[in-house]
Amino acid sequence: MDPRTALAVGLGAGLGALCLARPDVVLRLSAFGATTPDRTGQYGDDGPASTRATWVVRALGALCLAVAAYLAVA
């Protein structure tokens, strides 16, 4: 396995594991999880992410792990 493929496998597995283990953190770090367009509230007072958004992040995490596993085997 060349170094680029090994790096892709490592990064894909890490990102997939993060998405599966902590989807709320991934949503907070991305613009996808923003619930309100205005910036008038206090910092950190936004509510939890929707259940649908967390399942989308988990599905993307599983996809990342699947691609990483495919690259590792191929």
C-alpha atoms as a PDB file:
ATOM      1  CA  MET A   1       0.000   0.000   0.000  1.00  0.00           C
ATOM      2  CA  ASP A   2       1.458   3.334  -0.996  1.00  0.00           C
ATOM      3  CA  PRO A   3       1.632   6.206   1.522  1.00  0.00           C
ATOM      4  CA  ARG A   4      -1.198   8.189  -0.060  1.00  0.00           C
ATOM      5  CA  THR A   5      -3.588   5.272   0.165  1.00  0.00           C
ATOM      6  CA  ALA A   6      -2.548   4.594   3.759  1.00  0.00           C
ATOM      7  CA  LEU A   7      -3.178   8.247   4.605  1.00  0.00           C
ATOM      8  CA  ALA A   8      -6.594   8.130   2.923  1.00  0.00           C
ATOM      9  CA  VAL A   9      -7.498   4.985   4.874  1.00  0.00           C
ATOM     10  CA  GLY A  10      -6.373   6.542   8.163  1.00  0.00           C
ATOM     11  CA  LEU A  11      -8.175   9.835   7.610  1.00  0.00           C
ATOM     12  CA  GLY A  12     -11.341   8.134   6.347  1.00  0.00           C
ATOM     13  CA  ALA A  13     -11.420   5.752   9.305  1.00  0.00           C
ATOM     14  CA  GLY A  14     -10.821   8.601  11.751  1.00  0.00           C
ATOM     15  CA  LEU A  15     -13.501  10.813  10.241  1.00  0.00           C
ATOM     16  CA  GLY A  16     -15.957   7.929  10.046  1.00  0.00           C
ATOM     17  CA  ALA A  17     -15.340   6.951  13.663  1.00  0.00           C
ATOM     18  CA  LEU A  18     -15.799  10.568  14.790  1.00  0.00           C
ATOM     19  CA  CYS A  19     -19.057  10.870  12.861  1.00  0.00           C
ATOM     20  CA  LEU A  20     -20.392   7.661  14.365  1.00  0.00           C
ATOM     21  CA  ALA A  21     -19.221   8.284  17.919  1.00  0.00           C
ATOM     22  CA  ARG A  22     -19.941  12.022  18.271  1.00  0.00           C
ATOM     23  CA  PRO A  23     -22.329  13.311  15.590  1.00  0.00           C
ATOM     24  CA  ASP A  24     -23.245  16.285  17.790  1.00  0.00           C
ATOM     25  CA  VAL A  25     -19.628  17.493  17.742  1.00  0.00           C
ATOM     26  CA  VAL A  26     -19.443  17.121  13.961  1.00  0.00           C
ATOM     27  CA  LEU A  27     -22.646  19.138  13.584  1.00  0.00           C
ATOM     28  CA  ARG A  28     -21.341  21.906  15.836  1.00  0.00           C
ATOM     29  CA  LEU A  29     -18.151  22.132  13.779  1.00  0.00           C
ATOM     30  CA  SER A  30     -19.990  22.328  10.478  1.00  0.00           C
ATOM     31  CA  ALA A  31     -22.393  24.792   8.953  1.00  0.00           C
ATOM     32  CA  PHE A  32     -24.806  21.885   8.352  1.00  0.00           C
ATOM     33  CA  GLY A  33     -25.857  21.895  12.000  1.00  0.00           C
ATOM     34  CA  ALA A  34     -26.723  25.596  12.184  1.00  0.00           C
ATOM     35  CA  THR A  35     -30.346  25.926  13.240  1.00  0.00           C
ATOM     36  CA  THR A  36     -30.854  29.702  13.184  1.00  0.00           C
ATOM     37  CA  PRO A  37     -29.616  32.156  10.581  1.00  0.00           C
ATOM     38  CA  ASP A  38     -29.374  35.095  12.995  1.00  0.00           C
ATOM     39  CA  ARG A  39     -26.495  35.596  15.415  1.00  0.00           C
ATOM     40  CA  THR A  40     -28.347  37.377  18.204  1.00  0.00           C
ATOM     41  CA  GLY A  41     -28.263  34.675  20.912  1.00  0.00           C
ATOM     42  CA  GLN A  42     -25.558  34.122  23.465  1.00  0.00           C
ATOM     43  CA  TYR A  43     -22.662  31.927  22.480  1.00  0.00           C
ATOM     44  CA  GLY A  44     -23.358  28.268  23.152  1.00  0.00           C
ATOM     45  CA  ASP A  45     -27.056  28.528  23.935  1.00  0.00           C
ATOM     46  CA  ASP A  46     -28.257  26.727  20.831  1.00  0.00           C
ATOM     47  CA  GLY A  47     -30.268  23.588  21.443  1.00  0.00           C
ATOM     48  CA  PRO A  48     -29.360  20.051  20.477  1.00  0.00           C
ATOM     49  CA  ALA A  49     -29.249  19.125  16.808  1.00  0.00           C
ATOM     50  CA  SER A  50     -32.236  17.457  15.232  1.00  0.00           C
ATOM     51  CA  THR A  51     -32.482  13.699  15.163  1.00  0.00           C
ATOM     52  CA  ARG A  52     -32.578  13.704  11.378  1.00  0.00           C
ATOM     53  CA  ALA A  53     -29.310  15.637  11.133  1.00  0.00           C
ATOM     54  CA  THR A  54     -27.540  13.296  13.530  1.00  0.00           C
ATOM     55  CA  TRP A  55     -28.649  10.279  11.522  1.00  0.00           C
ATOM     56  CA  VAL A  56     -27.384  11.906   8.315  1.00  0.00           C
ATOM     57  CA  VAL A  57     -23.997  12.461   9.962  1.00  0.00           C
ATOM     58  CA  ARG A  58     -23.937   8.865  11.204  1.00  0.00           C
ATOM     59  CA  ALA A  59     -24.749   7.606   7.702  1.00  0.00           C
ATOM     60  CA  LEU A  60     -21.911   9.692   6.258  1.00  0.00           C
ATOM     61  CA  GLY A  61     -19.616   8.283   8.939  1.00  0.00           C
ATOM     62  CA  ALA A  62     -20.566   4.740   8.010  1.00  0.00           C
ATOM     63  CA  LEU A  63     -19.922   5.585   4.363  1.00  0.00           C
ATOM     64  CA  CYS A  64     -16.477   6.957   5.232  1.00  0.00           C
ATOM     65  CA  LEU A  65     -15.655   3.768   7.126  1.00  0.00           C
ATOM     66  CA  ALA A  66     -16.864   1.638   4.218  1.00  0.00           C
ATOM     67  CA  VAL A  67     -14.706   3.514   1.717  1.00  0.00           C
ATOM     68  CA  ALA A  68     -11.703   3.297   4.057  1.00  0.00           C
ATOM     69  CA  ALA A  69     -12.235  -0.455   4.455  1.00  0.00           C
ATOM     70  CA  TYR A  70     -12.529  -0.886   0.687  1.00  0.00           C
ATOM     71  CA  LEU A  71      -9.287   1.031   0.126  1.00  0.00           C
ATOM     72  CA  ALA A  72      -7.528  -0.992   2.807  1.00  0.00           C
ATOM     73  CA  VAL A  73      -8.563  -4.294   1.249  1.00  0.00           C
ATOM     74  CA  ALA A  74      -8.053  -3.304  -2.399  1.00  0.00           C
END
